[in-house]
Protein backbone atom coordinates (compact mmCIF):
# COMPACT_ATOMS: atom_id res chain seq x y z
CA MET A 1 8.90 -28.26 -7.16
CA LYS A 2 8.00 -26.06 -4.19
CA PHE A 3 6.67 -27.11 -0.80
CA GLY A 4 6.43 -25.81 2.75
CA SER A 5 4.67 -22.59 1.73
CA TYR A 6 2.03 -21.44 4.23
CA LEU A 7 0.14 -18.27 5.10
CA GLN A 8 2.14 -16.16 7.54
CA PRO A 9 0.43 -16.10 10.97
CA ASN A 10 1.81 -12.85 12.39
CA TRP A 11 -0.05 -10.07 10.54
CA ASP A 12 -3.85 -10.26 10.50
CA TRP A 13 -6.72 -7.84 9.75
CA ARG A 14 -5.36 -5.35 12.27
CA ALA A 15 -2.08 -4.99 10.40
CA ALA A 16 -4.03 -4.80 7.16
CA GLY A 17 -6.10 -2.01 8.71
CA ASN A 18 -2.97 0.10 9.19
CA PHE A 19 -2.18 -0.09 5.48
CA MET A 20 -5.81 0.45 4.52
CA PHE A 21 -6.71 3.41 6.71
CA GLY A 22 -3.23 4.83 7.23
CA GLY A 23 -2.61 4.92 3.49
CA THR A 24 -5.95 6.61 2.89
CA GLY A 25 -5.43 9.25 5.57
CA SER A 26 -1.86 10.11 4.63
CA ALA A 27 -2.73 10.48 0.94
CA MET A 28 -5.84 12.46 1.84
CA MET A 29 -3.64 14.91 3.74
CA LEU A 30 -1.47 15.36 0.65
CA MET A 31 -4.46 15.85 -1.65
CA THR A 32 -6.09 18.23 0.84
CA ALA A 33 -2.98 20.41 0.87
CA LEU A 34 -2.82 20.43 -2.93
CA THR A 35 -6.55 21.05 -3.43
CA THR A 36 -6.90 23.93 -0.98
CA TRP A 37 -3.60 25.71 -1.77
CA PRO A 38 -2.91 28.64 -1.30
CA ASP A 39 -5.53 28.64 1.44
CA ALA A 40 -5.56 26.53 4.58
CA PRO A 41 -8.15 23.72 4.57
CA PRO A 42 -11.18 23.78 6.84
CA LEU A 43 -10.94 21.92 10.11
CA PRO A 44 -13.08 18.87 9.07
CA LEU A 45 -10.71 17.98 6.21
CA GLY A 46 -7.60 17.98 8.37
CA LEU A 47 -9.28 16.06 11.17
CA ALA A 48 -10.68 13.47 8.76
CA ALA A 49 -7.24 12.77 7.31
CA LEU A 50 -5.65 12.50 10.74
CA GLY A 51 -8.53 10.34 11.93
CA PHE A 52 -7.80 7.70 9.31
CA VAL A 53 -4.07 7.73 10.04
CA GLY A 54 -4.81 7.44 13.76
CA LEU A 55 -7.24 4.59 13.19
CA GLY A 56 -4.64 2.65 11.22
CA LEU A 57 -2.00 3.13 13.91
CA PHE A 58 -4.50 2.19 16.63
CA LEU A 59 -5.27 -1.09 14.86
CA VAL A 60 -1.62 -2.03 14.51
CA TRP A 61 -1.12 -1.10 18.19
CA LEU A 62 -3.82 -3.65 19.09
CA GLU A 63 -1.81 -6.31 17.25
CA ILE A 64 1.33 -5.82 19.31
CA GLY A 65 1.88 -8.69 21.74
CA ARG A 66 2.74 -6.25 24.54
CA PRO A 67 0.86 -3.06 23.58
CA TRP A 68 2.28 -0.93 26.39
CA ARG A 69 5.80 -1.41 25.04
CA PHE A 70 4.92 0.39 21.81
CA LEU A 71 7.56 3.07 22.48
CA ASN A 72 10.19 0.50 21.48
CA VAL A 73 9.16 1.06 17.88
CA PHE A 74 10.92 4.46 17.95
CA PHE A 75 14.33 3.03 18.88
CA HIS A 76 15.61 1.80 15.50
CA PRO A 77 15.26 4.55 12.87
CA GLN A 78 18.50 3.50 11.17
CA ALA A 79 17.24 0.00 10.41
CA SER A 80 13.43 -0.16 10.59
CA TRP A 81 10.87 1.31 8.20
CA MET A 82 8.28 0.78 10.92
CA THR A 83 10.24 3.16 13.14
CA ARG A 84 10.40 5.69 10.32
CA GLU A 85 6.67 5.33 9.68
CA ALA A 86 5.87 5.94 13.36
CA SER A 87 8.24 8.92 13.54
CA ILE A 88 6.74 10.48 10.42
CA ALA A 89 3.26 9.95 11.91
CA VAL A 90 4.20 12.03 14.96
CA LEU A 91 5.47 14.85 12.73
CA LEU A 92 2.40 14.53 10.51
CA PHE A 93 -0.02 14.94 13.42
CA GLY A 94 1.90 17.91 14.77
CA ALA A 95 2.13 19.70 11.42
CA ALA A 96 -1.50 19.06 10.48
CA LEU A 97 -2.90 20.23 13.82
CA ALA A 98 -0.69 23.30 13.83
CA GLY A 99 -1.57 24.14 10.25
CA VAL A 100 -5.30 23.91 10.85
CA ALA A 101 -5.14 25.79 14.16
CA LEU A 102 -3.00 28.58 12.72
CA GLN A 103 -4.71 28.50 9.31
CA SER A 104 -1.27 28.27 7.68
CA ALA A 105 -1.18 26.92 4.14
CA VAL A 106 2.60 26.48 4.35
CA ILE A 107 2.40 24.23 7.42
CA ILE A 108 -0.43 22.26 5.82
CA ALA A 109 1.75 21.83 2.73
CA CYS A 110 4.48 20.39 4.97
CA ALA A 111 1.89 18.03 6.45
CA GLY A 112 0.96 16.97 2.92
CA VAL A 113 4.59 16.14 2.13
CA LEU A 114 4.82 14.17 5.38
CA GLY A 115 1.69 12.28 4.34
CA LEU A 116 3.40 11.23 1.11
CA VAL A 117 6.49 10.13 3.05
CA PHE A 118 4.27 8.14 5.43
CA LEU A 119 2.71 6.36 2.45
CA TYR A 120 6.18 5.65 1.05
CA CYS A 121 7.25 4.14 4.38
CA GLN A 122 4.30 1.77 4.24
CA GLY A 123 5.42 0.51 0.87
CA ARG A 124 8.96 0.03 2.12
CA ILE A 125 7.72 -1.93 5.14
CA LEU A 126 6.19 -4.48 2.79
CA LYS A 127 9.11 -4.49 0.38
CA GLY A 128 11.52 -5.12 3.24
CA SER A 129 9.77 -8.35 4.29
CA LYS A 130 12.07 -10.70 2.40
CA GLY A 131 10.37 -13.93 3.48
CA ILE A 132 7.03 -13.04 1.83
CA PRO A 133 7.16 -13.08 -1.99
CA ALA A 134 3.94 -11.04 -2.30
CA TRP A 135 5.49 -8.25 -0.21
CA ARG A 136 9.15 -8.23 -1.22
CA GLU A 137 8.39 -7.88 -4.93
CA PRO A 138 9.66 -4.40 -6.01
CA ALA A 139 6.48 -3.87 -8.02
CA VAL A 140 4.59 -3.59 -4.72
CA MET A 141 5.91 -0.04 -4.31
CA PRO A 142 4.05 1.57 -7.25
CA LEU A 143 0.98 -0.48 -6.31
CA ILE A 144 0.94 0.81 -2.72
CA LEU A 145 1.64 4.40 -3.77
CA SER A 146 -0.96 4.52 -6.55
CA THR A 147 -3.55 2.76 -4.40
CA GLY A 148 -3.01 5.13 -1.48
CA LEU A 149 -3.31 8.18 -3.74
CA THR A 150 -6.49 6.79 -5.28
CA GLU A 151 -7.97 6.12 -1.85
CA GLY A 152 -6.98 9.52 -0.48
CA THR A 153 -8.47 11.31 -3.48
CA SER A 154 -11.63 9.23 -3.25
CA MET A 155 -12.09 10.04 0.43
CA LEU A 156 -11.50 13.73 -0.25
CA VAL A 157 -14.16 13.62 -2.98
CA LEU A 158 -16.64 12.03 -0.58
CA VAL A 159 -16.04 14.67 2.11
CA LEU A 160 -16.11 17.64 -0.27
CA ILE A 161 -19.26 16.51 -2.04
CA LEU A 162 -21.05 16.55 1.32
CA PHE A 163 -20.16 20.24 1.66
CA ASP A 164 -21.06 20.90 -1.98
CA SER A 165 -17.57 22.28 -2.62
CA LEU A 166 -16.05 19.71 -4.98
CA PRO A 167 -13.44 21.24 -7.34
CA ALA A 168 -13.99 20.34 -10.98
CA GLY A 169 -10.43 19.09 -11.42
CA LEU A 170 -10.58 16.57 -8.58
CA ALA A 171 -12.61 14.14 -10.68
CA PHE A 172 -9.90 14.16 -13.33
CA THR A 173 -7.27 13.60 -10.62
CA LEU A 174 -9.16 10.55 -9.40
CA LEU A 175 -9.32 9.27 -12.97
CA VAL A 176 -5.54 9.62 -13.41
CA PHE A 177 -4.74 7.85 -10.16
CA ALA A 178 -7.15 5.00 -10.99
CA VAL A 179 -5.42 4.55 -14.36
CA LEU A 180 -2.03 4.46 -12.64
CA ARG A 181 -3.33 1.93 -10.12
CA THR A 182 -4.63 -0.30 -12.91
CA TRP A 183 -1.22 -0.27 -14.60
CA ALA A 184 0.53 -0.95 -11.27
CA TRP A 185 -1.79 -3.89 -10.58
CA PHE A 186 -1.07 -5.61 -13.91
CA HIS A 187 2.65 -4.91 -13.54
CA TYR A 188 2.61 -6.37 -10.02
CA ARG A 189 0.82 -9.56 -11.04
CA GLU A 190 3.14 -10.13 -13.99
CA ALA A 191 6.15 -9.68 -11.70
CA LEU A 192 4.76 -12.26 -9.26
CA GLN A 193 4.26 -14.75 -12.07
CA ARG A 194 7.81 -14.24 -13.36
CA ALA A 195 9.14 -14.70 -9.82
CA GLN A 196 7.08 -17.89 -9.41
CA ALA A 197 5.34 -16.69 -6.26
CA PRO A 198 3.60 -19.37 -4.16
CA ALA A 199 0.45 -20.86 -5.64
CA GLY A 200 -1.64 -19.64 -2.70
CA THR A 201 -0.56 -16.05 -3.34
CA GLN A 202 -1.37 -16.19 -7.02
CA GLN A 203 -4.73 -17.86 -6.40
CA GLN A 204 -5.80 -15.12 -3.98
CA PHE A 205 -4.95 -12.43 -6.51
CA LYS A 206 -6.63 -14.39 -9.30
CA ASN A 207 -9.84 -14.44 -7.25
CA LEU A 208 -9.52 -10.70 -6.65
CA HIS A 209 -8.53 -9.69 -10.18
CA GLY A 210 -11.89 -9.38 -11.94
CA TRP A 211 -13.62 -7.33 -9.24
CA PHE A 212 -10.60 -5.13 -8.59
CA VAL A 213 -9.96 -4.24 -12.22
CA ALA A 214 -13.55 -3.86 -13.40
CA GLY A 215 -15.42 -2.71 -10.30
CA GLY A 216 -12.60 -0.86 -8.58
CA ASN A 217 -10.89 0.80 -11.51
CA VAL A 218 -12.57 0.62 -14.92
CA ILE A 219 -16.06 1.63 -13.74
CA PRO A 220 -14.70 4.50 -11.55
CA ILE A 221 -12.61 5.70 -14.51
CA VAL A 222 -15.66 5.77 -16.78
CA LEU A 223 -17.83 7.46 -14.13
CA ALA A 224 -15.17 10.07 -13.28
CA ALA A 225 -14.62 10.86 -16.96
CA THR A 226 -18.37 11.22 -17.52
CA PHE A 227 -18.72 13.51 -14.50
CA ALA A 228 -15.77 15.64 -15.63
CA PHE A 229 -17.57 16.33 -18.91
CA GLY A 230 -20.83 17.39 -17.31
CA GLY A 231 -22.27 14.31 -15.61
CA HIS A 232 -24.34 14.09 -12.44
CA ASP A 233 -23.01 14.19 -8.89
CA TRP A 234 -23.99 10.59 -8.21
CA MET A 235 -21.44 9.50 -10.82
CA ILE A 236 -18.41 10.89 -9.00
CA LEU A 237 -19.89 9.76 -5.68
CA LEU A 238 -20.19 6.16 -6.91
CA ALA A 239 -16.76 6.32 -8.57
CA ALA A 240 -15.15 7.43 -5.31
CA LEU A 241 -16.91 4.75 -3.26
CA LEU A 242 -15.95 1.95 -5.65
CA ALA A 243 -12.33 3.11 -5.94
CA LEU A 244 -12.00 3.47 -2.17
CA PHE A 245 -13.44 0.11 -1.16
CA ALA A 246 -11.58 -1.69 -3.95
CA GLY A 247 -8.30 -0.31 -2.63
CA TRP A 248 -9.11 -1.36 0.91
CA HIS A 249 -10.11 -4.84 -0.24
CA MET A 250 -6.95 -5.26 -2.27
CA LYS A 251 -4.75 -4.25 0.66
CA PHE A 252 -6.60 -6.60 2.99
CA VAL A 253 -5.97 -9.49 0.60
CA LEU A 254 -2.34 -8.46 0.11
CA VAL A 255 -1.54 -8.32 3.83
CA ALA A 256 -3.85 -10.91 5.40
CA LYS A 257 -4.75 -13.42 2.67
CA ALA A 258 -1.98 -13.62 0.05
CA ALA A 259 1.07 -13.36 2.32
CA PHE A 260 2.44 -16.89 1.91
CA VAL A 261 6.02 -17.56 2.98
CA GLN A 262 8.60 -18.59 0.43
CA GLY A 263 8.74 -22.32 1.19
CA TYR A 264 11.41 -24.62 -0.24
CA GLY A 265 12.29 -25.48 -3.80
CA ILE A 266 13.84 -28.47 -5.53
CA GLY A 267 15.47 -28.24 -8.93
CA THR A 268 14.31 -30.18 -11.98
CA MET A 269 14.95 -33.92 -11.70
CA HIS A 270 16.56 -35.67 -14.68
CA ARG A 271 16.44 -39.33 -15.71
CA GLY A 272 19.55 -41.41 -16.10
CA ARG A 273 22.78 -41.91 -14.21
CA PRO A 274 25.03 -39.02 -13.30
CA THR A 275 27.92 -38.32 -15.65
CA PRO A 276 31.16 -39.63 -14.11
CA ARG A 277 33.96 -37.14 -13.67
CA LYS A 278 37.62 -37.69 -13.14
CA PRO A 279 38.81 -37.11 -9.58
CA VAL A 280 40.66 -33.90 -8.88
CA ARG A 281 44.35 -34.54 -8.15
CA ARG A 282 46.01 -32.00 -5.88
CA GLN A 283 49.62 -31.65 -4.89
CA GLY A 284 50.22 -33.38 -1.58
CA ASP A 285 47.27 -35.83 -1.71
CA PRO A 286 48.30 -39.10 0.06
CA TRP A 287 47.33 -41.30 -2.93
CA GLN A 288 49.47 -39.31 -5.34
CA THR A 289 52.78 -40.91 -6.28
């Protein structure tokens, strides 16, 4: 029997926004570097990726109790994944801006690698929160990584289709990431059930499951596959929109709605009287003759 489990009150929609938009922007930077290699990307792509990362960091800055003491986050790189995330963000902004300004594909590639590291840090922030079963579950890592890559690819598709310069292979990339995200989602939910996560956590994910799997993954997979074999532009556009908003919704639920604390547990109660045991006799006990 478990009791005392309640929704954590510290991280709200602003913290969720950091994982939503920061994950999208960092993965978009990686996919931009890969898609445009060996050329440097145009300025709008780099700025769009940095804009999402900056928006996520701005939202989490709003959540800080004393916002003007945000520099304290940089003081514990040896122990805090938040510190590492913030430090990587500084390097990411510097590399991306320099790469776009200098039109250097190599510097942009470094920014793409930093974007992947930033996304990894976000997963480790959640995994390191030991008091929240929905976050500390190791299966959250592949879920966060695959979701971020799906979101970043989706956003890149939406930007490139506006400029009528969508590479043919990007639709297939979106399809692959959506398949990986679907697997990660089922793996994550099974792991939570095995770990007997709080009922509130499992109920939130149960409510989300149908829409996330069908609307956010299966339909985008079908649309992306159809587009890759000669479909219309609206198919990949709709696939990207569905995959993107499904990822954001899932992260919002994960951070702000399903984050119940562990609570307390009591073992199984048994009927009957306890089995008597003989007392332990030790050398030197006063009753020993």
